[in-house]
Amino acid sequence: MKIDEIDKKILQELCKDGRKSFSDLAKIVGISKVAVRSRVKKLQRYGIIERFTVSLNREKLGYSISAFFEIETVQGMRTNVVEELKKYENGRVIYGMIGGHELHVHFIFKNYEDLEHFINDVLHKMPGIKSFKSSILLTTYKRDFTINF
């Protein structure tokens, strides 16, 4: 699918506010509400817009610990480890990487006890994990999920 300047403007506006109405988008980009709706549906159909979601403040919901793990797996066990990690509801992201560790994962925890339990009773005991390193988030300086065209 070829994306034109109007599509790009619609995408930029939706990245700022995913709840923006078709009417509001139409006024901003200078086309009809029906045309905006059609373009958004097409962007969804082609997978450019994957989903509409909400950004939550994890700390206000009681998850004060944000931990990142770089995981090295035993040869041939990567898929098994990924499938096992997916089972944990506090997992936010699991990335397959190249250069350094194979997996980069992000988990959130309510407290250090939960984090310690995850490290000692899950990661240390999970079949297929050769080694891992952990890091705890102190400050977020930038968090931007938009794409500039």
Protein backbone atom coordinates (compact mmCIF):
# COMPACT_ATOMS: atom_id res chain seq x y z
CA MET A 1 0.00 0.00 0.00
CA LYS A 2 1.29 3.42 -0.92
CA ILE A 3 0.90 6.05 1.81
CA ASP A 4 0.33 9.63 0.68
CA GLU A 5 0.71 12.89 2.61
CA ILE A 6 -2.90 12.80 3.85
CA ASP A 7 -2.43 9.26 5.22
CA LYS A 8 0.75 10.41 6.96
CA LYS A 9 -1.04 13.36 8.55
CA ILE A 10 -3.88 11.10 9.73
CA LEU A 11 -1.35 8.68 11.24
CA GLN A 12 0.52 11.49 13.00
CA GLU A 13 -2.71 12.83 14.48
CA LEU A 14 -3.83 9.39 15.64
CA CYS A 15 -0.44 8.82 17.28
CA LYS A 16 -1.01 12.01 19.30
CA ASP A 17 -4.57 11.01 20.21
CA GLY A 18 -5.99 7.67 19.11
CA ARG A 19 -9.46 8.76 20.21
CA LYS A 20 -9.59 11.67 17.78
CA SER A 21 -12.86 11.53 15.86
CA PHE A 22 -13.15 11.17 12.11
CA SER A 23 -14.75 14.64 12.10
CA ASP A 24 -11.81 16.19 13.90
CA LEU A 25 -9.34 14.40 11.63
CA ALA A 26 -11.29 15.60 8.57
CA LYS A 27 -10.98 19.23 9.69
CA ILE A 28 -7.24 18.85 10.31
CA VAL A 29 -6.35 17.13 7.03
CA GLY A 30 -8.92 18.93 4.85
CA ILE A 31 -11.00 16.04 3.51
CA SER A 32 -14.47 14.71 4.32
CA LYS A 33 -15.27 12.61 7.37
CA VAL A 34 -16.27 9.73 5.08
CA ALA A 35 -12.93 9.93 3.26
CA VAL A 36 -11.04 9.91 6.59
CA ARG A 37 -13.02 6.89 7.77
CA SER A 38 -12.26 5.08 4.51
CA ARG A 39 -8.55 5.86 4.78
CA VAL A 40 -8.35 4.74 8.41
CA LYS A 41 -10.15 1.48 7.59
CA LYS A 42 -7.75 0.89 4.68
CA LEU A 43 -4.74 1.59 6.95
CA GLN A 44 -6.15 -1.00 9.36
CA ARG A 45 -6.86 -3.53 6.62
CA TYR A 46 -3.26 -3.30 5.37
CA GLY A 47 -1.90 -3.67 8.91
CA ILE A 48 -0.34 -0.21 9.09
CA ILE A 49 -2.63 0.59 12.01
CA GLU A 50 -2.36 -2.55 14.10
CA ARG A 51 -4.70 -1.53 16.90
CA PHE A 52 -5.99 1.35 18.96
CA THR A 53 -4.94 1.23 22.59
CA VAL A 54 -4.56 3.25 25.75
CA SER A 55 -1.35 4.16 27.54
CA LEU A 56 -1.51 3.33 31.26
CA ASN A 57 0.55 4.71 34.13
CA ARG A 58 1.91 1.49 35.64
CA GLU A 59 3.01 3.18 38.87
CA LYS A 60 -0.47 4.56 39.58
CA LEU A 61 -1.76 1.02 39.10
CA GLY A 62 0.64 -0.33 41.72
CA TYR A 63 3.46 -1.60 39.50
CA SER A 64 6.39 0.42 40.83
CA ILE A 65 9.19 -1.81 39.49
CA SER A 66 10.03 -1.93 35.79
CA ALA A 67 12.72 -4.50 34.98
CA PHE A 68 14.50 -5.40 31.76
CA PHE A 69 16.18 -8.74 31.19
CA GLU A 70 18.71 -9.72 28.55
CA ILE A 71 18.43 -13.47 28.17
CA GLU A 72 20.73 -15.98 26.48
CA THR A 73 19.08 -19.31 25.70
CA VAL A 74 20.41 -22.81 25.26
CA GLN A 75 20.77 -23.66 21.56
CA GLY A 76 17.43 -24.80 20.14
CA MET A 77 15.42 -23.64 23.18
CA ARG A 78 14.67 -20.04 22.23
CA THR A 79 11.10 -20.72 21.13
CA ASN A 80 10.36 -22.72 24.29
CA VAL A 81 11.68 -19.91 26.50
CA VAL A 82 9.65 -17.30 24.60
CA GLU A 83 6.47 -19.37 24.90
CA GLU A 84 7.06 -19.83 28.63
CA LEU A 85 7.72 -16.10 29.18
CA LYS A 86 4.51 -15.21 27.30
CA LYS A 87 2.50 -16.96 30.04
CA TYR A 88 3.36 -14.28 32.62
CA GLU A 89 0.80 -11.47 32.70
CA ASN A 90 3.31 -8.91 33.97
CA GLY A 91 5.44 -9.33 30.86
CA ARG A 92 5.19 -6.22 28.69
CA VAL A 93 7.53 -6.91 25.78
CA ILE A 94 9.60 -9.82 24.47
CA TYR A 95 12.02 -8.95 21.68
CA GLY A 96 14.22 -11.34 19.70
CA MET A 97 17.60 -9.66 19.28
CA ILE A 98 20.78 -10.04 17.29
CA GLY A 99 24.19 -9.04 18.66
CA GLY A 100 24.61 -9.74 22.35
CA HIS A 101 21.77 -11.52 24.09
CA GLU A 102 19.06 -13.29 22.11
CA LEU A 103 16.09 -11.96 24.03
CA HIS A 104 15.33 -8.57 25.53
CA VAL A 105 12.28 -8.66 27.78
CA HIS A 106 10.45 -6.11 29.90
CA PHE A 107 8.42 -7.07 32.96
CA ILE A 108 6.69 -4.98 35.62
CA PHE A 109 6.36 -5.84 39.29
CA LYS A 110 4.44 -4.46 42.25
CA ASN A 111 7.41 -4.71 44.59
CA TYR A 112 10.91 -6.08 44.99
CA GLU A 113 9.59 -9.31 46.52
CA ASP A 114 7.73 -10.08 43.30
CA LEU A 115 10.84 -9.24 41.26
CA GLU A 116 13.02 -11.46 43.46
CA HIS A 117 10.51 -14.31 43.16
CA PHE A 118 10.50 -13.96 39.36
CA ILE A 119 14.30 -14.04 39.19
CA ASN A 120 14.82 -16.88 41.67
CA ASP A 121 11.80 -19.08 41.04
CA VAL A 122 11.13 -18.44 37.36
CA LEU A 123 14.21 -17.34 35.41
CA HIS A 124 16.79 -19.36 37.36
CA LYS A 125 14.64 -22.48 37.09
CA MET A 126 13.30 -22.09 33.54
CA PRO A 127 14.57 -24.82 31.21
CA GLY A 128 16.38 -23.34 28.25
CA ILE A 129 17.80 -20.21 29.89
CA LYS A 130 21.59 -20.29 29.80
CA SER A 131 22.15 -16.87 31.42
CA PHE A 132 20.52 -13.49 31.93
CA LYS A 133 21.25 -9.97 33.07
CA SER A 134 18.72 -7.69 34.71
CA SER A 135 18.36 -3.92 34.85
CA ILE A 136 15.88 -1.83 36.81
CA LEU A 137 14.36 1.31 35.29
CA LEU A 138 15.06 4.46 37.31
CA THR A 139 13.85 7.26 35.03
CA THR A 140 12.13 7.51 31.67
CA TYR A 141 13.58 10.41 29.70
CA LYS A 142 11.68 9.80 26.49
CA ARG A 143 8.81 7.58 25.52
CA ASP A 144 7.58 8.13 21.99
CA PHE A 145 5.86 5.55 19.84
CA THR A 146 5.20 7.81 16.86
CA ILE A 147 6.94 7.65 13.51
CA ASN A 148 7.98 10.85 11.82
CA PHE A 149 7.49 10.84 8.07
